[in-house]
Amino acid sequence: MLKANKVAWALGLFSIFVAFTGWVWHGLLGQPSMMTQLYPWFSWSNPLHLVGMAVLFFIWGLIYGAAFAWIYNWAEKKFK
């Protein structure tokens, strides 16, 4: 059994790491990204965009982490 709260927090914190890695890769190293092609106003060097993306990634991680744990626990009970 997975604890939904712990999986949600783990995925949420990992998502912040992913946002920071994207900032380093695309913002500091200047590698191309689909985000800047789809949204020309988006800038990887803008700190407001970085904070906004990190917060959204964190919320996404919390939601999908809890959903994954819930589905995993459900499947483990049903098919065991």
Protein backbone atom coordinates (compact mmCIF):
# COMPACT_ATOMS: atom_id res chain seq x y z
CA MET A 1 0.00 0.00 0.00
CA LEU A 2 1.26 3.42 -0.95
CA LYS A 3 0.50 6.44 1.19
CA ALA A 4 -1.10 8.99 -1.13
CA ASN A 5 0.17 11.98 0.82
CA LYS A 6 3.81 10.85 0.70
CA VAL A 7 3.70 9.96 -3.00
CA ALA A 8 2.03 13.30 -3.78
CA TRP A 9 4.73 15.26 -1.91
CA ALA A 10 7.52 13.24 -3.51
CA LEU A 11 6.20 13.88 -7.01
CA GLY A 12 5.53 17.53 -6.19
CA LEU A 13 9.10 18.11 -5.03
CA PHE A 14 10.46 16.19 -8.02
CA SER A 15 8.40 18.46 -10.27
CA ILE A 16 10.10 21.53 -8.79
CA PHE A 17 13.43 19.90 -9.63
CA VAL A 18 12.21 19.37 -13.22
CA ALA A 19 11.21 23.06 -13.48
CA PHE A 20 14.61 24.13 -12.19
CA THR A 21 16.36 21.78 -14.64
CA GLY A 22 14.31 23.26 -17.49
CA TRP A 23 15.33 26.75 -16.41
CA VAL A 24 19.02 25.76 -16.43
CA TRP A 25 18.80 23.90 -19.75
CA HIS A 26 16.66 26.35 -21.70
CA GLY A 27 17.24 29.61 -19.84
CA LEU A 28 20.90 29.56 -18.93
CA LEU A 29 22.25 27.30 -21.67
CA GLY A 30 19.95 28.70 -24.37
CA GLN A 31 18.71 25.39 -25.74
CA PRO A 32 15.54 25.62 -27.87
CA SER A 33 12.23 24.68 -26.32
CA MET A 34 8.72 24.06 -27.58
CA MET A 35 7.41 26.46 -24.94
CA THR A 36 9.09 29.46 -26.54
CA GLN A 37 7.89 28.40 -29.99
CA LEU A 38 4.28 28.00 -28.90
CA TYR A 39 4.26 31.09 -26.67
CA PRO A 40 6.61 33.78 -28.04
CA TRP A 41 5.99 36.01 -25.00
CA PHE A 42 7.37 33.33 -22.66
CA SER A 43 10.94 33.91 -21.48
CA TRP A 44 13.01 31.37 -19.58
CA SER A 45 15.05 34.20 -18.07
CA ASN A 46 12.02 35.89 -16.48
CA PRO A 47 11.93 34.94 -12.77
CA LEU A 48 8.14 35.36 -12.62
CA HIS A 49 7.73 32.72 -15.33
CA LEU A 50 10.09 30.37 -13.49
CA VAL A 51 8.26 30.74 -10.17
CA GLY A 52 4.88 30.37 -11.87
CA MET A 53 5.99 27.25 -13.70
CA ALA A 54 7.53 25.76 -10.54
CA VAL A 55 4.29 26.36 -8.61
CA LEU A 56 2.18 24.85 -11.37
CA PHE A 57 4.51 21.87 -11.67
CA PHE A 58 4.32 21.39 -7.88
CA ILE A 59 0.52 21.44 -7.92
CA TRP A 60 0.53 19.04 -10.87
CA GLY A 61 2.85 16.75 -8.93
CA LEU A 62 0.61 16.78 -5.88
CA ILE A 63 -2.49 15.94 -7.90
CA TYR A 64 -0.95 13.23 -10.06
CA GLY A 65 1.03 11.74 -7.18
CA ALA A 66 -2.11 11.32 -5.10
CA ALA A 67 -4.03 9.96 -8.10
CA PHE A 68 -1.27 7.47 -8.90
CA ALA A 69 -1.18 6.21 -5.29
CA TRP A 70 -4.96 5.90 -5.19
CA ILE A 71 -5.09 3.94 -8.48
CA TYR A 72 -2.15 1.76 -7.43
CA ASN A 73 -3.78 0.91 -4.09
CA TRP A 74 -7.12 0.24 -5.78
CA ALA A 75 -5.52 -2.11 -8.34
CA GLU A 76 -3.53 -3.89 -5.64
CA LYS A 77 -6.70 -4.61 -3.65
CA LYS A 78 -8.77 -5.58 -6.68
CA PHE A 79 -6.32 -7.88 -8.42
CA LYS A 80 -4.60 -9.46 -5.44
